[in-house]
């Protein structure tokens, strides 16, 4: 049997009242194994031991954007990320992403972490195109259909 191990990551598809999706441009200078161009992403990260999904989403959203006014977390999609392998002590593990739609109040200021260089609010069609670099087709196609 050829089994694989996975980490679970949570991602926040943050929507404002105009149905625009918040994307963050990743600062690739801090990524040791990545040699490509900067790319757009959505906030998120891996669940720490003892943390819930909601706690992880709130923590990651705050750390990466400074946003605290989150109205809801709605399950969106769980997908296997075929192009991401995470280094661990004895090799690598895969990544399963669990994405949530996060509706937010009126956001005045975004405070980016050092992980990101800029942000933008994009309609779902444009956001899905910008996310094609990192995410599986199933994921970006579903984002394009958000209304």
C-alpha atoms as a PDB file:
ATOM      1  CA  UNK A   1       0.000   0.000   0.000  1.00  0.00           C
ATOM      2  CA  UNK A   2       1.355   3.422  -0.976  1.00  0.00           C
ATOM      3  CA  UNK A   3      -0.047   5.797   1.656  1.00  0.00           C
ATOM      4  CA  UNK A   4       0.726   9.489   1.956  1.00  0.00           C
ATOM      5  CA  UNK A   5       0.577  11.860   4.927  1.00  0.00           C
ATOM      6  CA  UNK A   6      -1.097  15.267   4.807  1.00  0.00           C
ATOM      7  CA  UNK A   7      -1.353  18.467   6.771  1.00  0.00           C
ATOM      8  CA  UNK A   8      -4.668  20.300   6.894  1.00  0.00           C
ATOM      9  CA  UNK A   9      -4.608  23.966   5.975  1.00  0.00           C
ATOM     10  CA  UNK A  10      -7.473  26.418   6.228  1.00  0.00           C
ATOM     11  CA  UNK A  11      -8.000  29.252   3.778  1.00  0.00           C
ATOM     12  CA  UNK A  12     -10.234  32.310   4.063  1.00  0.00           C
ATOM     13  CA  UNK A  13     -12.049  33.596   1.009  1.00  0.00           C
ATOM     14  CA  UNK A  14     -12.734  37.054   2.422  1.00  0.00           C
ATOM     15  CA  UNK A  15     -15.628  38.892   0.758  1.00  0.00           C
ATOM     16  CA  UNK A  16     -16.623  42.477   1.329  1.00  0.00           C
ATOM     17  CA  UNK A  17     -20.114  43.957   0.968  1.00  0.00           C
ATOM     18  CA  UNK A  18     -19.475  44.503  -2.789  1.00  0.00           C
ATOM     19  CA  UNK A  19     -18.778  40.749  -3.266  1.00  0.00           C
ATOM     20  CA  UNK A  20     -15.103  41.468  -3.960  1.00  0.00           C
ATOM     21  CA  UNK A  21     -12.547  38.919  -2.773  1.00  0.00           C
ATOM     22  CA  UNK A  22      -9.422  39.961  -0.877  1.00  0.00           C
ATOM     23  CA  UNK A  23      -6.179  38.651  -2.373  1.00  0.00           C
ATOM     24  CA  UNK A  24      -2.684  39.104  -0.949  1.00  0.00           C
ATOM     25  CA  UNK A  25       0.495  39.165  -3.029  1.00  0.00           C
ATOM     26  CA  UNK A  26       3.041  36.794  -1.481  1.00  0.00           C
ATOM     27  CA  UNK A  27       6.533  38.083  -0.764  1.00  0.00           C
ATOM     28  CA  UNK A  28       8.610  35.318  -2.337  1.00  0.00           C
ATOM     29  CA  UNK A  29      11.823  36.660  -0.764  1.00  0.00           C
ATOM     30  CA  UNK A  30      10.952  34.726   2.411  1.00  0.00           C
ATOM     31  CA  UNK A  31      10.221  31.432   0.624  1.00  0.00           C
ATOM     32  CA  UNK A  32      13.369  29.287   0.624  1.00  0.00           C
ATOM     33  CA  UNK A  33      12.249  26.632  -1.842  1.00  0.00           C
ATOM     34  CA  UNK A  34      10.295  28.894  -4.240  1.00  0.00           C
ATOM     35  CA  UNK A  35      12.187  30.478  -7.126  1.00  0.00           C
ATOM     36  CA  UNK A  36       9.295  31.868  -9.202  1.00  0.00           C
ATOM     37  CA  UNK A  37       7.585  35.235  -9.455  1.00  0.00           C
ATOM     38  CA  UNK A  38       5.431  36.690  -6.658  1.00  0.00           C
ATOM     39  CA  UNK A  39       1.869  35.363  -6.794  1.00  0.00           C
ATOM     40  CA  UNK A  40      -1.561  36.145  -5.362  1.00  0.00           C
ATOM     41  CA  UNK A  41      -2.995  34.103  -2.496  1.00  0.00           C
ATOM     42  CA  UNK A  42      -5.762  34.131   0.087  1.00  0.00           C
ATOM     43  CA  UNK A  43      -5.151  34.306   3.851  1.00  0.00           C
ATOM     44  CA  UNK A  44      -4.725  31.055   5.709  1.00  0.00           C
ATOM     45  CA  UNK A  45      -2.393  28.581   7.295  1.00  0.00           C
ATOM     46  CA  UNK A  46      -2.070  25.240   8.997  1.00  0.00           C
ATOM     47  CA  UNK A  47      -3.973  24.303  12.123  1.00  0.00           C
ATOM     48  CA  UNK A  48      -1.837  24.269  15.263  1.00  0.00           C
ATOM     49  CA  UNK A  49      -2.228  21.489  17.801  1.00  0.00           C
ATOM     50  CA  UNK A  50      -5.108  22.298  20.150  1.00  0.00           C
ATOM     51  CA  UNK A  51      -6.631  24.964  17.861  1.00  0.00           C
ATOM     52  CA  UNK A  52     -10.028  24.769  16.202  1.00  0.00           C
ATOM     53  CA  UNK A  53     -10.736  25.661  12.588  1.00  0.00           C
ATOM     54  CA  UNK A  54     -12.491  28.904  13.626  1.00  0.00           C
ATOM     55  CA  UNK A  55      -9.591  29.881  15.905  1.00  0.00           C
ATOM     56  CA  UNK A  56      -7.090  29.169  13.128  1.00  0.00           C
ATOM     57  CA  UNK A  57      -9.052  31.199  10.571  1.00  0.00           C
ATOM     58  CA  UNK A  58      -9.378  34.164  12.945  1.00  0.00           C
ATOM     59  CA  UNK A  59      -5.682  33.999  13.877  1.00  0.00           C
ATOM     60  CA  UNK A  60      -4.448  33.740  10.286  1.00  0.00           C
ATOM     61  CA  UNK A  61      -6.791  36.463   9.021  1.00  0.00           C
ATOM     62  CA  UNK A  62      -5.663  38.811  11.789  1.00  0.00           C
ATOM     63  CA  UNK A  63      -1.939  38.000  11.388  1.00  0.00           C
ATOM     64  CA  UNK A  64      -2.003  38.459   7.602  1.00  0.00           C
ATOM     65  CA  UNK A  65      -4.471  41.367   7.250  1.00  0.00           C
ATOM     66  CA  UNK A  66      -5.274  42.907  10.638  1.00  0.00           C
ATOM     67  CA  UNK A  67      -8.987  42.189  10.044  1.00  0.00           C
ATOM     68  CA  UNK A  68     -11.014  41.354  13.154  1.00  0.00           C
ATOM     69  CA  UNK A  69     -14.589  42.126  12.000  1.00  0.00           C
ATOM     70  CA  UNK A  70     -15.578  38.742  10.545  1.00  0.00           C
ATOM     71  CA  UNK A  71     -19.331  38.203  10.228  1.00  0.00           C
ATOM     72  CA  UNK A  72     -19.357  34.497   9.317  1.00  0.00           C
ATOM     73  CA  UNK A  73     -17.362  31.420   8.307  1.00  0.00           C
ATOM     74  CA  UNK A  74     -19.190  29.361   5.675  1.00  0.00           C
ATOM     75  CA  UNK A  75     -17.642  26.049   4.519  1.00  0.00           C
ATOM     76  CA  UNK A  76     -16.781  26.382   0.825  1.00  0.00           C
ATOM     77  CA  UNK A  77     -14.646  23.518  -0.452  1.00  0.00           C
ATOM     78  CA  UNK A  78     -12.118  20.940   0.663  1.00  0.00           C
ATOM     79  CA  UNK A  79      -9.506  20.089  -1.952  1.00  0.00           C
ATOM     80  CA  UNK A  80      -6.250  18.185  -2.235  1.00  0.00           C
ATOM     81  CA  UNK A  81      -3.481  20.544  -3.299  1.00  0.00           C
ATOM     82  CA  UNK A  82      -1.527  18.460  -5.806  1.00  0.00           C
ATOM     83  CA  UNK A  83       1.255  20.983  -6.379  1.00  0.00           C
ATOM     84  CA  UNK A  84       2.237  21.709  -2.771  1.00  0.00           C
ATOM     85  CA  UNK A  85       4.537  19.514  -0.677  1.00  0.00           C
ATOM     86  CA  UNK A  86       5.596  20.623   2.795  1.00  0.00           C
ATOM     87  CA  UNK A  87       9.078  19.694   4.072  1.00  0.00           C
ATOM     88  CA  UNK A  88       9.142  17.738   7.338  1.00  0.00           C
ATOM     89  CA  UNK A  89      11.962  15.961   9.183  1.00  0.00           C
ATOM     90  CA  UNK A  90      11.844  12.743   7.166  1.00  0.00           C
ATOM     91  CA  UNK A  91      10.603  13.931   3.747  1.00  0.00           C
ATOM     92  CA  UNK A  92       7.517  15.842   2.712  1.00  0.00           C
ATOM     93  CA  UNK A  93       3.779  15.760   3.338  1.00  0.00           C
ATOM     94  CA  UNK A  94       0.899  16.767   1.117  1.00  0.00           C
ATOM     95  CA  UNK A  95      -1.601  19.490   1.859  1.00  0.00           C
ATOM     96  CA  UNK A  96      -5.366  19.311   2.057  1.00  0.00           C
ATOM     97  CA  UNK A  97      -7.014  22.731   1.986  1.00  0.00           C
ATOM     98  CA  UNK A  98     -10.313  23.468   3.663  1.00  0.00           C
ATOM     99  CA  UNK A  99     -11.601  26.826   2.419  1.00  0.00           C
ATOM    100  CA  UNK A 100     -14.239  29.007   4.043  1.00  0.00           C
ATOM    101  CA  UNK A 101     -16.112  32.040   2.781  1.00  0.00           C
ATOM    102  CA  UNK A 102     -15.626  34.798   5.325  1.00  0.00           C
ATOM    103  CA  UNK A 103     -17.940  37.770   5.045  1.00  0.00           C
ATOM    104  CA  UNK A 104     -16.536  40.877   6.680  1.00  0.00           C
ATOM    105  CA  UNK A 105     -17.866  44.254   7.693  1.00  0.00           C
ATOM    106  CA  UNK A 106     -16.713  47.542   6.241  1.00  0.00           C
ATOM    107  CA  UNK A 107     -12.922  47.279   6.117  1.00  0.00           C
ATOM    108  CA  UNK A 108     -11.053  50.572   6.320  1.00  0.00           C
ATOM    109  CA  UNK A 109      -7.475  49.397   6.699  1.00  0.00           C
ATOM    110  CA  UNK A 110      -5.614  46.260   5.736  1.00  0.00           C
ATOM    111  CA  UNK A 111      -2.404  45.743   7.728  1.00  0.00           C
ATOM    112  CA  UNK A 112      -0.224  43.335   5.767  1.00  0.00           C
ATOM    113  CA  UNK A 113       2.207  40.997   7.476  1.00  0.00           C
ATOM    114  CA  UNK A 114       5.783  40.650   6.225  1.00  0.00           C
ATOM    115  CA  UNK A 115       4.588  37.608   4.246  1.00  0.00           C
ATOM    116  CA  UNK A 116       2.841  39.898   1.734  1.00  0.00           C
ATOM    117  CA  UNK A 117       3.719  42.965  -0.325  1.00  0.00           C
ATOM    118  CA  UNK A 118       0.305  44.203  -1.470  1.00  0.00           C
ATOM    119  CA  UNK A 119      -3.396  43.450  -1.457  1.00  0.00           C
ATOM    120  CA  UNK A 120      -6.354  43.940  -3.747  1.00  0.00           C
ATOM    121  CA  UNK A 121     -10.110  43.424  -3.850  1.00  0.00           C
ATOM    122  CA  UNK A 122     -11.137  41.523  -6.994  1.00  0.00           C
ATOM    123  CA  UNK A 123     -14.382  40.281  -8.490  1.00  0.00           C
ATOM    124  CA  UNK A 124     -14.666  36.461  -8.359  1.00  0.00           C
ATOM    125  CA  UNK A 125     -13.757  35.974 -12.044  1.00  0.00           C
ATOM    126  CA  UNK A 126     -10.549  38.008 -11.797  1.00  0.00           C
ATOM    127  CA  UNK A 127      -9.668  36.489  -8.409  1.00  0.00           C
ATOM    128  CA  UNK A 128      -9.975  32.972  -9.818  1.00  0.00           C
ATOM    129  CA  UNK A 129      -7.606  33.845 -12.690  1.00  0.00           C
ATOM    130  CA  UNK A 130      -5.020  35.295 -10.291  1.00  0.00           C
ATOM    131  CA  UNK A 131      -5.216  32.212  -8.046  1.00  0.00           C
ATOM    132  CA  UNK A 132      -4.620  29.718 -10.897  1.00  0.00           C
ATOM    133  CA  UNK A 133      -0.866  29.845 -10.220  1.00  0.00           C
ATOM    134  CA  UNK A 134      -1.255  28.119  -6.842  1.00  0.00           C
ATOM    135  CA  UNK A 135      -4.594  26.331  -6.645  1.00  0.00           C
ATOM    136  CA  UNK A 136      -6.175  23.315  -8.385  1.00  0.00           C
ATOM    137  CA  UNK A 137      -8.618  23.948 -11.233  1.00  0.00           C
ATOM    138  CA  UNK A 138     -11.571  22.637  -9.194  1.00  0.00           C
ATOM    139  CA  UNK A 139     -10.874  25.329  -6.582  1.00  0.00           C
ATOM    140  CA  UNK A 140     -10.486  28.328  -8.902  1.00  0.00           C
ATOM    141  CA  UNK A 141     -13.480  27.324 -11.037  1.00  0.00           C
ATOM    142  CA  UNK A 142     -15.680  27.318  -7.947  1.00  0.00           C
ATOM    143  CA  UNK A 143     -14.362  30.749  -6.877  1.00  0.00           C
ATOM    144  CA  UNK A 144     -15.224  32.152 -10.317  1.00  0.00           C
ATOM    145  CA  UNK A 145     -18.861  31.143  -9.736  1.00  0.00           C
ATOM    146  CA  UNK A 146     -19.244  32.949  -6.391  1.00  0.00           C
ATOM    147  CA  UNK A 147     -22.067  35.453  -6.422  1.00  0.00           C
END
